[in-house]
Full PDB file with SEQRES, HELIX, SHEET, SSBOND, CRYST1, ORIGX, SCALE, CONECT and MASTER records, all heavy atoms in Angstrom:
SEQRES   1 A   36  LEU ASP GLU PRO THR ALA ALA LEU GLY VAL ARG GLU SER          
SEQRES   2 A   36  ARG ARG VAL LEU ASP LEU ILE LEU ARG LEU ARG ALA GLU          
SEQRES   3 A   36  GLY HIS ALA VAL ILE VAL ILE SER HIS ALA                      
HELIX    1 AA1 VAL A   10  ALA A   25  1                                  16    
CRYST1    1.000    1.000    1.000  90.00  90.00  90.00 P 1           1          
ORIGX1      1.000000  0.000000  0.000000        0.00000                         
ORIGX2      0.000000  1.000000  0.000000        0.00000                         
ORIGX3      0.000000  0.000000  1.000000        0.00000                         
SCALE1      1.000000  0.000000  0.000000        0.00000                         
SCALE2      0.000000  1.000000  0.000000        0.00000                         
SCALE3      0.000000  0.000000  1.000000        0.00000                         
ATOM      1  N   LEU A   1     -20.137 -66.235  47.471  1.00  0.00           N  
ATOM      2  CA  LEU A   1     -20.193 -67.690  47.331  1.00  0.00           C  
ATOM      3  C   LEU A   1     -18.775 -68.204  46.943  1.00  0.00           C  
ATOM      4  O   LEU A   1     -18.179 -67.835  45.929  1.00  0.00           O  
ATOM      5  CB  LEU A   1     -21.200 -68.130  46.245  1.00  0.00           C  
ATOM      6  CG  LEU A   1     -22.630 -67.554  46.391  1.00  0.00           C  
ATOM      7  CD1 LEU A   1     -23.448 -68.016  45.193  1.00  0.00           C  
ATOM      8  CD2 LEU A   1     -23.204 -68.031  47.650  1.00  0.00           C  
ATOM      9  N   ASP A   2     -18.208 -69.006  47.836  1.00  0.00           N  
ATOM     10  CA  ASP A   2     -16.850 -69.557  47.645  1.00  0.00           C  
ATOM     11  C   ASP A   2     -16.984 -70.913  47.000  1.00  0.00           C  
ATOM     12  O   ASP A   2     -17.396 -71.903  47.698  1.00  0.00           O  
ATOM     13  CB  ASP A   2     -16.172 -69.573  48.973  1.00  0.00           C  
ATOM     14  CG  ASP A   2     -14.674 -70.023  48.781  1.00  0.00           C  
ATOM     15  OD1 ASP A   2     -14.224 -70.125  47.638  1.00  0.00           O  
ATOM     16  OD2 ASP A   2     -14.004 -70.175  49.834  1.00  0.00           O  
ATOM     17  N   GLU A   3     -16.598 -71.051  45.738  1.00  0.00           N  
ATOM     18  CA  GLU A   3     -16.703 -72.396  45.021  1.00  0.00           C  
ATOM     19  C   GLU A   3     -18.030 -73.089  45.232  1.00  0.00           C  
ATOM     20  O   GLU A   3     -18.103 -74.216  45.735  1.00  0.00           O  
ATOM     21  CB  GLU A   3     -15.517 -73.275  45.513  1.00  0.00           C  
ATOM     22  CG  GLU A   3     -14.158 -72.776  45.242  1.00  0.00           C  
ATOM     23  CD  GLU A   3     -13.762 -72.819  43.695  1.00  0.00           C  
ATOM     24  OE1 GLU A   3     -14.587 -73.386  42.916  1.00  0.00           O  
ATOM     25  OE2 GLU A   3     -12.658 -72.335  43.359  1.00  0.00           O  
ATOM     26  N   PRO A   4     -19.106 -72.434  44.793  1.00  0.00           N  
ATOM     27  CA  PRO A   4     -20.455 -73.018  45.137  1.00  0.00           C  
ATOM     28  C   PRO A   4     -20.761 -74.240  44.383  1.00  0.00           C  
ATOM     29  O   PRO A   4     -21.662 -75.003  44.785  1.00  0.00           O  
ATOM     30  CB  PRO A   4     -21.413 -71.897  44.690  1.00  0.00           C  
ATOM     31  CG  PRO A   4     -20.644 -71.172  43.657  1.00  0.00           C  
ATOM     32  CD  PRO A   4     -19.179 -71.160  44.109  1.00  0.00           C  
ATOM     33  N   THR A   5     -20.048 -74.618  43.294  1.00  0.00           N  
ATOM     34  CA  THR A   5     -20.346 -75.879  42.581  1.00  0.00           C  
ATOM     35  C   THR A   5     -19.242 -76.865  42.675  1.00  0.00           C  
ATOM     36  O   THR A   5     -19.290 -77.888  41.973  1.00  0.00           O  
ATOM     37  CB  THR A   5     -20.654 -75.532  41.088  1.00  0.00           C  
ATOM     38  OG1 THR A   5     -19.472 -74.931  40.539  1.00  0.00           O  
ATOM     39  CG2 THR A   5     -21.836 -74.645  40.892  1.00  0.00           C  
ATOM     40  N   ALA A   6     -18.329 -76.616  43.558  1.00  0.00           N  
ATOM     41  CA  ALA A   6     -17.153 -77.594  43.714  1.00  0.00           C  
ATOM     42  C   ALA A   6     -17.701 -78.962  44.188  1.00  0.00           C  
ATOM     43  O   ALA A   6     -18.512 -79.007  45.078  1.00  0.00           O  
ATOM     44  CB  ALA A   6     -16.166 -77.044  44.677  1.00  0.00           C  
ATOM     45  N   ALA A   7     -17.252 -79.983  43.549  1.00  0.00           N  
ATOM     46  CA  ALA A   7     -17.562 -81.393  43.962  1.00  0.00           C  
ATOM     47  C   ALA A   7     -18.997 -81.759  43.703  1.00  0.00           C  
ATOM     48  O   ALA A   7     -19.497 -82.790  44.209  1.00  0.00           O  
ATOM     49  CB  ALA A   7     -17.170 -81.667  45.423  1.00  0.00           C  
ATOM     50  N   LEU A   8     -19.705 -80.955  42.921  1.00  0.00           N  
ATOM     51  CA  LEU A   8     -21.109 -81.244  42.638  1.00  0.00           C  
ATOM     52  C   LEU A   8     -21.187 -81.885  41.226  1.00  0.00           C  
ATOM     53  O   LEU A   8     -20.408 -81.526  40.291  1.00  0.00           O  
ATOM     54  CB  LEU A   8     -22.004 -80.078  42.709  1.00  0.00           C  
ATOM     55  CG  LEU A   8     -22.148 -79.360  44.061  1.00  0.00           C  
ATOM     56  CD1 LEU A   8     -23.104 -78.206  43.972  1.00  0.00           C  
ATOM     57  CD2 LEU A   8     -22.585 -80.343  45.175  1.00  0.00           C  
ATOM     58  N   GLY A   9     -22.161 -82.795  41.011  1.00  0.00           N  
ATOM     59  CA  GLY A   9     -22.454 -83.334  39.671  1.00  0.00           C  
ATOM     60  C   GLY A   9     -23.164 -82.329  38.812  1.00  0.00           C  
ATOM     61  O   GLY A   9     -23.511 -81.186  39.204  1.00  0.00           O  
ATOM     62  N   VAL A  10     -23.435 -82.699  37.541  1.00  0.00           N  
ATOM     63  CA  VAL A  10     -23.993 -81.793  36.604  1.00  0.00           C  
ATOM     64  C   VAL A  10     -25.385 -81.369  37.015  1.00  0.00           C  
ATOM     65  O   VAL A  10     -25.647 -80.119  37.008  1.00  0.00           O  
ATOM     66  CB  VAL A  10     -24.080 -82.495  35.210  1.00  0.00           C  
ATOM     67  CG1 VAL A  10     -24.844 -81.593  34.227  1.00  0.00           C  
ATOM     68  CG2 VAL A  10     -22.699 -82.812  34.637  1.00  0.00           C  
ATOM     69  N   ARG A  11     -26.215 -82.223  37.464  1.00  0.00           N  
ATOM     70  CA  ARG A  11     -27.637 -81.860  37.891  1.00  0.00           C  
ATOM     71  C   ARG A  11     -27.571 -80.988  39.119  1.00  0.00           C  
ATOM     72  O   ARG A  11     -28.364 -79.993  39.195  1.00  0.00           O  
ATOM     73  CB  ARG A  11     -28.419 -83.130  38.150  1.00  0.00           C  
ATOM     74  CG  ARG A  11     -29.836 -82.858  38.533  1.00  0.00           C  
ATOM     75  CD  ARG A  11     -30.619 -84.093  38.817  1.00  0.00           C  
ATOM     76  NE  ARG A  11     -30.703 -84.900  37.601  1.00  0.00           N  
ATOM     77  CZ  ARG A  11     -31.323 -86.049  37.518  1.00  0.00           C  
ATOM     78  NH1 ARG A  11     -31.872 -86.603  38.662  1.00  0.00           N  
ATOM     79  NH2 ARG A  11     -31.352 -86.738  36.395  1.00  0.00           N  
ATOM     80  N   GLU A  12     -26.721 -81.338  40.072  1.00  0.00           N  
ATOM     81  CA  GLU A  12     -26.724 -80.483  41.288  1.00  0.00           C  
ATOM     82  C   GLU A  12     -26.128 -79.125  41.054  1.00  0.00           C  
ATOM     83  O   GLU A  12     -26.540 -78.136  41.635  1.00  0.00           O  
ATOM     84  CB  GLU A  12     -25.904 -81.272  42.375  1.00  0.00           C  
ATOM     85  CG  GLU A  12     -26.676 -82.562  42.787  1.00  0.00           C  
ATOM     86  CD  GLU A  12     -25.997 -83.220  43.979  1.00  0.00           C  
ATOM     87  OE1 GLU A  12     -24.711 -83.184  44.042  1.00  0.00           O  
ATOM     88  OE2 GLU A  12     -26.686 -83.776  44.825  1.00  0.00           O  
ATOM     89  N   SER A  13     -25.093 -79.104  40.162  1.00  0.00           N  
ATOM     90  CA  SER A  13     -24.500 -77.806  39.798  1.00  0.00           C  
ATOM     91  C   SER A  13     -25.520 -76.923  39.128  1.00  0.00           C  
ATOM     92  O   SER A  13     -25.610 -75.705  39.352  1.00  0.00           O  
ATOM     93  CB  SER A  13     -23.297 -77.973  38.829  1.00  0.00           C  
ATOM     94  OG  SER A  13     -22.276 -78.568  39.515  1.00  0.00           O  
ATOM     95  N   ARG A  14     -26.389 -77.545  38.359  1.00  0.00           N  
ATOM     96  CA  ARG A  14     -27.452 -76.813  37.611  1.00  0.00           C  
ATOM     97  C   ARG A  14     -28.408 -76.117  38.599  1.00  0.00           C  
ATOM     98  O   ARG A  14     -28.803 -74.976  38.430  1.00  0.00           O  
ATOM     99  CB  ARG A  14     -28.246 -77.775  36.767  1.00  0.00           C  
ATOM    100  CG  ARG A  14     -29.401 -77.240  35.985  1.00  0.00           C  
ATOM    101  CD  ARG A  14     -28.949 -76.379  34.812  1.00  0.00           C  
ATOM    102  NE  ARG A  14     -28.855 -74.965  35.137  1.00  0.00           N  
ATOM    103  CZ  ARG A  14     -28.064 -74.145  34.498  1.00  0.00           C  
ATOM    104  NH1 ARG A  14     -27.287 -74.567  33.511  1.00  0.00           N  
ATOM    105  NH2 ARG A  14     -27.983 -72.819  34.798  1.00  0.00           N  
ATOM    106  N   ARG A  15     -28.749 -76.824  39.728  1.00  0.00           N  
ATOM    107  CA  ARG A  15     -29.623 -76.243  40.709  1.00  0.00           C  
ATOM    108  C   ARG A  15     -28.960 -74.977  41.375  1.00  0.00           C  
ATOM    109  O   ARG A  15     -29.626 -73.983  41.601  1.00  0.00           O  
ATOM    110  CB  ARG A  15     -29.892 -77.276  41.817  1.00  0.00           C  
ATOM    111  CG  ARG A  15     -30.781 -78.405  41.383  1.00  0.00           C  
ATOM    112  CD  ARG A  15     -30.578 -79.572  42.367  1.00  0.00           C  
ATOM    113  NE  ARG A  15     -31.008 -79.285  43.713  1.00  0.00           N  
ATOM    114  CZ  ARG A  15     -32.208 -79.535  44.188  1.00  0.00           C  
ATOM    115  NH1 ARG A  15     -33.129 -80.166  43.461  1.00  0.00           N  
ATOM    116  NH2 ARG A  15     -32.517 -79.221  45.466  1.00  0.00           N  
ATOM    117  N   VAL A  16     -27.652 -75.089  41.592  1.00  0.00           N  
ATOM    118  CA  VAL A  16     -26.988 -73.973  42.248  1.00  0.00           C  
ATOM    119  C   VAL A  16     -26.856 -72.847  41.319  1.00  0.00           C  
ATOM    120  O   VAL A  16     -27.072 -71.597  41.690  1.00  0.00           O  
ATOM    121  CB  VAL A  16     -25.592 -74.369  42.749  1.00  0.00           C  
ATOM    122  CG1 VAL A  16     -24.799 -73.226  43.335  1.00  0.00           C  
ATOM    123  CG2 VAL A  16     -25.760 -75.469  43.841  1.00  0.00           C  
ATOM    124  N   LEU A  17     -26.516 -73.115  39.976  1.00  0.00           N  
ATOM    125  CA  LEU A  17     -26.381 -71.973  39.058  1.00  0.00           C  
ATOM    126  C   LEU A  17     -27.708 -71.293  38.817  1.00  0.00           C  
ATOM    127  O   LEU A  17     -27.751 -70.021  38.689  1.00  0.00           O  
ATOM    128  CB  LEU A  17     -25.809 -72.521  37.701  1.00  0.00           C  
ATOM    129  CG  LEU A  17     -24.436 -73.116  37.751  1.00  0.00           C  
ATOM    130  CD1 LEU A  17     -24.073 -73.809  36.435  1.00  0.00           C  
ATOM    131  CD2 LEU A  17     -23.388 -72.054  38.102  1.00  0.00           C  
ATOM    132  N   ASP A  18     -28.788 -72.064  38.770  1.00  0.00           N  
ATOM    133  CA  ASP A  18     -30.081 -71.472  38.601  1.00  0.00           C  
ATOM    134  C   ASP A  18     -30.447 -70.559  39.777  1.00  0.00           C  
ATOM    135  O   ASP A  18     -31.079 -69.483  39.598  1.00  0.00           O  
ATOM    136  CB  ASP A  18     -31.163 -72.552  38.452  1.00  0.00           C  
ATOM    137  CG  ASP A  18     -31.111 -73.258  37.173  1.00  0.00           C  
ATOM    138  OD1 ASP A  18     -30.503 -72.735  36.191  1.00  0.00           O  
ATOM    139  OD2 ASP A  18     -31.705 -74.328  36.998  1.00  0.00           O  
ATOM    140  N   LEU A  19     -30.015 -70.983  40.975  1.00  0.00           N  
ATOM    141  CA  LEU A  19     -30.315 -70.166  42.168  1.00  0.00           C  
ATOM    142  C   LEU A  19     -29.489 -68.858  42.094  1.00  0.00           C  
ATOM    143  O   LEU A  19     -30.005 -67.769  42.470  1.00  0.00           O  
ATOM    144  CB  LEU A  19     -29.978 -70.978  43.400  1.00  0.00           C  
ATOM    145  CG  LEU A  19     -30.165 -70.229  44.741  1.00  0.00           C  
ATOM    146  CD1 LEU A  19     -31.645 -69.635  44.901  1.00  0.00           C  
ATOM    147  CD2 LEU A  19     -29.904 -71.172  45.916  1.00  0.00           C  
ATOM    148  N   ILE A  20     -28.283 -68.938  41.662  1.00  0.00           N  
ATOM    149  CA  ILE A  20     -27.450 -67.698  41.493  1.00  0.00           C  
ATOM    150  C   ILE A  20     -28.152 -66.738  40.499  1.00  0.00           C  
ATOM    151  O   ILE A  20     -28.177 -65.504  40.788  1.00  0.00           O  
ATOM    152  CB  ILE A  20     -26.030 -68.069  41.034  1.00  0.00           C  
ATOM    153  CG1 ILE A  20     -25.251 -68.828  42.133  1.00  0.00           C  
ATOM    154  CG2 ILE A  20     -25.238 -66.779  40.603  1.00  0.00           C  
ATOM    155  CD1 ILE A  20     -23.935 -69.361  41.681  1.00  0.00           C  
ATOM    156  N   LEU A  21     -28.621 -67.228  39.449  1.00  0.00           N  
ATOM    157  CA  LEU A  21     -29.321 -66.390  38.454  1.00  0.00           C  
ATOM    158  C   LEU A  21     -30.604 -65.746  39.066  1.00  0.00           C  
ATOM    159  O   LEU A  21     -30.905 -64.648  38.758  1.00  0.00           O  
ATOM    160  CB  LEU A  21     -29.664 -67.221  37.231  1.00  0.00           C  
ATOM    161  CG  LEU A  21     -28.434 -67.605  36.354  1.00  0.00           C  
ATOM    162  CD1 LEU A  21     -28.858 -68.544  35.288  1.00  0.00           C  
ATOM    163  CD2 LEU A  21     -27.717 -66.466  35.802  1.00  0.00           C  
ATOM    164  N   ARG A  22     -31.280 -66.485  39.968  1.00  0.00           N  
ATOM    165  CA  ARG A  22     -32.480 -65.922  40.612  1.00  0.00           C  
ATOM    166  C   ARG A  22     -32.073 -64.856  41.575  1.00  0.00           C  
ATOM    167  O   ARG A  22     -32.806 -63.900  41.745  1.00  0.00           O  
ATOM    168  CB  ARG A  22     -33.280 -67.058  41.189  1.00  0.00           C  
ATOM    169  CG  ARG A  22     -34.061 -67.845  40.259  1.00  0.00           C  
ATOM    170  CD  ARG A  22     -35.091 -68.755  40.902  1.00  0.00           C  
ATOM    171  NE  ARG A  22     -34.524 -69.913  41.606  1.00  0.00           N  
ATOM    172  CZ  ARG A  22     -34.165 -71.043  41.073  1.00  0.00           C  
ATOM    173  NH1 ARG A  22     -34.410 -71.225  39.793  1.00  0.00           N  
ATOM    174  NH2 ARG A  22     -33.717 -72.068  41.790  1.00  0.00           N  
ATOM    175  N   LEU A  23     -30.957 -65.041  42.255  1.00  0.00           N  
ATOM    176  CA  LEU A  23     -30.508 -63.992  43.198  1.00  0.00           C  
ATOM    177  C   LEU A  23     -30.210 -62.765  42.472  1.00  0.00           C  
ATOM    178  O   LEU A  23     -30.576 -61.592  42.870  1.00  0.00           O  
ATOM    179  CB  LEU A  23     -29.205 -64.451  43.943  1.00  0.00           C  
ATOM    180  CG  LEU A  23     -29.322 -65.661  44.861  1.00  0.00           C  
ATOM    181  CD1 LEU A  23     -27.965 -65.932  45.501  1.00  0.00           C  
ATOM    182  CD2 LEU A  23     -30.419 -65.440  45.886  1.00  0.00           C  
ATOM    183  N   ARG A  24     -29.486 -62.868  41.289  1.00  0.00           N  
ATOM    184  CA  ARG A  24     -29.305 -61.658  40.485  1.00  0.00           C  
ATOM    185  C   ARG A  24     -30.582 -61.009  40.070  1.00  0.00           C  
ATOM    186  O   ARG A  24     -30.760 -59.771  40.122  1.00  0.00           O  
ATOM    187  CB  ARG A  24     -28.471 -62.041  39.166  1.00  0.00           C  
ATOM    188  CG  ARG A  24     -28.152 -60.866  38.316  1.00  0.00           C  
ATOM    189  CD  ARG A  24     -27.322 -61.263  37.154  1.00  0.00           C  
ATOM    190  NE  ARG A  24     -27.987 -62.169  36.180  1.00  0.00           N  
ATOM    191  CZ  ARG A  24     -27.407 -62.653  35.125  1.00  0.00           C  
ATOM    192  NH1 ARG A  24     -26.207 -62.388  34.828  1.00  0.00           N  
ATOM    193  NH2 ARG A  24     -28.148 -63.462  34.361  1.00  0.00           N  
ATOM    194  N   ALA A  25     -31.615 -61.767  39.639  1.00  0.00           N  
ATOM    195  CA  ALA A  25     -32.860 -61.236  39.147  1.00  0.00           C  
ATOM    196  C   ALA A  25     -33.565 -60.546  40.247  1.00  0.00           C  
ATOM    197  O   ALA A  25     -34.312 -59.584  40.057  1.00  0.00           O  
ATOM    198  CB  ALA A  25     -33.766 -62.359  38.611  1.00  0.00           C  
ATOM    199  N   GLU A  26     -33.346 -60.938  41.566  1.00  0.00           N  
ATOM    200  CA  GLU A  26     -33.946 -60.273  42.698  1.00  0.00           C  
ATOM    201  C   GLU A  26     -33.252 -59.034  43.168  1.00  0.00           C  
ATOM    202  O   GLU A  26     -33.622 -58.369  44.110  1.00  0.00           O  
ATOM    203  CB  GLU A  26     -34.110 -61.277  43.849  1.00  0.00           C  
ATOM    204  CG  GLU A  26     -35.130 -62.358  43.613  1.00  0.00           C  
ATOM    205  CD  GLU A  26     -35.565 -63.039  44.945  1.00  0.00           C  
ATOM    206  OE1 GLU A  26     -34.931 -62.807  45.971  1.00  0.00           O  
ATOM    207  OE2 GLU A  26     -36.544 -63.776  44.910  1.00  0.00           O  
ATOM    208  N   GLY A  27     -32.123 -58.768  42.458  1.00  0.00           N  
ATOM    209  CA  GLY A  27     -31.396 -57.488  42.771  1.00  0.00           C  
ATOM    210  C   GLY A  27     -30.229 -57.643  43.742  1.00  0.00           C  
ATOM    211  O   GLY A  27     -29.635 -56.658  44.110  1.00  0.00           O  
ATOM    212  N   HIS A  28     -29.869 -58.877  44.117  1.00  0.00           N  
ATOM    213  CA  HIS A  28     -28.712 -59.100  44.938  1.00  0.00           C  
ATOM    214  C   HIS A  28     -27.458 -58.795  44.154  1.00  0.00           C  
ATOM    215  O   HIS A  28     -27.275 -59.104  42.949  1.00  0.00           O  
ATOM    216  CB  HIS A  28     -28.665 -60.523  45.476  1.00  0.00           C  
ATOM    217  CG  HIS A  28     -29.674 -60.775  46.562  1.00  0.00           C  
ATOM    218  ND1 HIS A  28     -30.928 -61.240  46.292  1.00  0.00           N  
ATOM    219  CD2 HIS A  28     -29.565 -60.677  47.939  1.00  0.00           C  
ATOM    220  CE1 HIS A  28     -31.571 -61.385  47.458  1.00  0.00           C  
ATOM    221  NE2 HIS A  28     -30.724 -61.079  48.470  1.00  0.00           N  
ATOM    222  N   ALA A  29     -26.446 -58.270  44.821  1.00  0.00           N  
ATOM    223  CA  ALA A  29     -25.089 -58.260  44.337  1.00  0.00           C  
ATOM    224  C   ALA A  29     -24.450 -59.556  44.716  1.00  0.00           C  
ATOM    225  O   ALA A  29     -24.423 -59.886  45.942  1.00  0.00           O  
ATOM    226  CB  ALA A  29     -24.288 -57.091  44.891  1.00  0.00           C  
ATOM    227  N   VAL A  30     -23.861 -60.313  43.772  1.00  0.00           N  
ATOM    228  CA  VAL A  30     -23.346 -61.671  44.048  1.00  0.00           C  
ATOM    229  C   VAL A  30     -21.923 -61.709  43.595  1.00  0.00           C  
ATOM    230  O   VAL A  30     -21.579 -61.371  42.482  1.00  0.00           O  
ATOM    231  CB  VAL A  30     -24.161 -62.731  43.300  1.00  0.00           C  
ATOM    232  CG1 VAL A  30     -23.624 -64.170  43.700  1.00  0.00           C  
ATOM    233  CG2 VAL A  30     -25.642 -62.624  43.593  1.00  0.00           C  
ATOM    234  N   ILE A  31     -21.047 -62.139  44.528  1.00  0.00           N  
ATOM    235  CA  ILE A  31     -19.634 -62.431  44.226  1.00  0.00           C  
ATOM    236  C   ILE A  31     -19.414 -63.913  44.288  1.00  0.00           C  
ATOM    237  O   ILE A  31     -19.736 -64.550  45.282  1.00  0.00           O  
ATOM    238  CB  ILE A  31     -18.648 -61.693  45.219  1.00  0.00           C  
ATOM    239  CG1 ILE A  31     -18.876 -60.200  45.137  1.00  0.00           C  
ATOM    240  CG2 ILE A  31     -17.219 -62.052  44.928  1.00  0.00           C  
ATOM    241  CD1 ILE A  31     -18.090 -59.385  46.146  1.00  0.00           C  
ATOM    242  N   VAL A  32     -18.875 -64.424  43.177  1.00  0.00           N  
ATOM    243  CA  VAL A  32     -18.651 -65.884  43.075  1.00  0.00           C  
ATOM    244  C   VAL A  32     -17.174 -66.124  42.833  1.00  0.00           C  
ATOM    245  O   VAL A  32     -16.534 -65.634  41.954  1.00  0.00           O  
ATOM    246  CB  VAL A  32     -19.422 -66.509  41.900  1.00  0.00           C  
ATOM    247  CG1 VAL A  32     -19.128 -67.953  41.771  1.00  0.00           C  
ATOM    248  CG2 VAL A  32     -20.929 -66.326  42.075  1.00  0.00           C  
ATOM    249  N   ILE A  33     -16.618 -66.957  43.709  1.00  0.00           N  
ATOM    250  CA  ILE A  33     -15.220 -67.453  43.490  1.00  0.00           C  
ATOM    251  C   ILE A  33     -15.332 -68.893  42.908  1.00  0.00           C  
ATOM    252  O   ILE A  33     -16.010 -69.710  43.488  1.00  0.00           O  
ATOM    253  CB  ILE A  33     -14.465 -67.532  44.768  1.00  0.00           C  
ATOM    254  CG1 ILE A  33     -14.157 -66.079  45.289  1.00  0.00           C  
ATOM    255  CG2 ILE A  33     -13.102 -68.276  44.603  1.00  0.00           C  
ATOM    256  CD1 ILE A  33     -13.345 -66.024  46.568  1.00  0.00           C  
ATOM    257  N   SER A  34     -14.731 -69.086  41.761  1.00  0.00           N  
ATOM    258  CA  SER A  34     -14.890 -70.403  41.140  1.00  0.00           C  
ATOM    259  C   SER A  34     -13.757 -70.716  40.215  1.00  0.00           C  
ATOM    260  O   SER A  34     -13.063 -69.791  39.694  1.00  0.00           O  
ATOM    261  CB  SER A  34     -16.212 -70.462  40.337  1.00  0.00           C  
ATOM    262  OG  SER A  34     -16.351 -71.704  39.651  1.00  0.00           O  
ATOM    263  N   HIS A  35     -13.400 -72.004  40.069  1.00  0.00           N  
ATOM    264  CA  HIS A  35     -12.420 -72.442  39.129  1.00  0.00           C  
ATOM    265  C   HIS A  35     -13.101 -72.997  37.866  1.00  0.00           C  
ATOM    266  O   HIS A  35     -12.412 -73.422  36.920  1.00  0.00           O  
ATOM    267  CB  HIS A  35     -11.546 -73.541  39.727  1.00  0.00           C  
ATOM    268  CG  HIS A  35     -10.510 -72.934  40.665  1.00  0.00           C  
ATOM    269  ND1 HIS A  35     -10.725 -72.862  42.047  1.00  0.00           N  
ATOM    270  CD2 HIS A  35      -9.243 -72.394  40.456  1.00  0.00           C  
ATOM    271  CE1 HIS A  35      -9.679 -72.327  42.637  1.00  0.00           C  
ATOM    272  NE2 HIS A  35      -8.774 -72.014  41.678  1.00  0.00           N  
ATOM    273  N   ALA A  36     -14.484 -73.110  37.886  1.00  0.00           N  
ATOM    274  CA  ALA A  36     -15.195 -73.708  36.777  1.00  0.00           C  
ATOM    275  C   ALA A  36     -15.513 -72.671  35.746  1.00  0.00           C  
ATOM    276  O   ALA A  36     -16.537 -71.907  35.912  1.00  0.00           O  
ATOM    277  CB  ALA A  36     -16.496 -74.389  37.363  1.00  0.00           C  
TER     278      ALA A  36                                                      
MASTER        0    0    0    1    0    0    0    6  277    1    0    3          
END                                                                             
């Protein structure tokens, strides 16, 4: 994921972060590039 929360508001960023945590819980290996 390349800058998955860039230009998103607080509520929308929350949706994306929750999804990343669910991907981890399902056993995915996740690479995140972020400045946040």
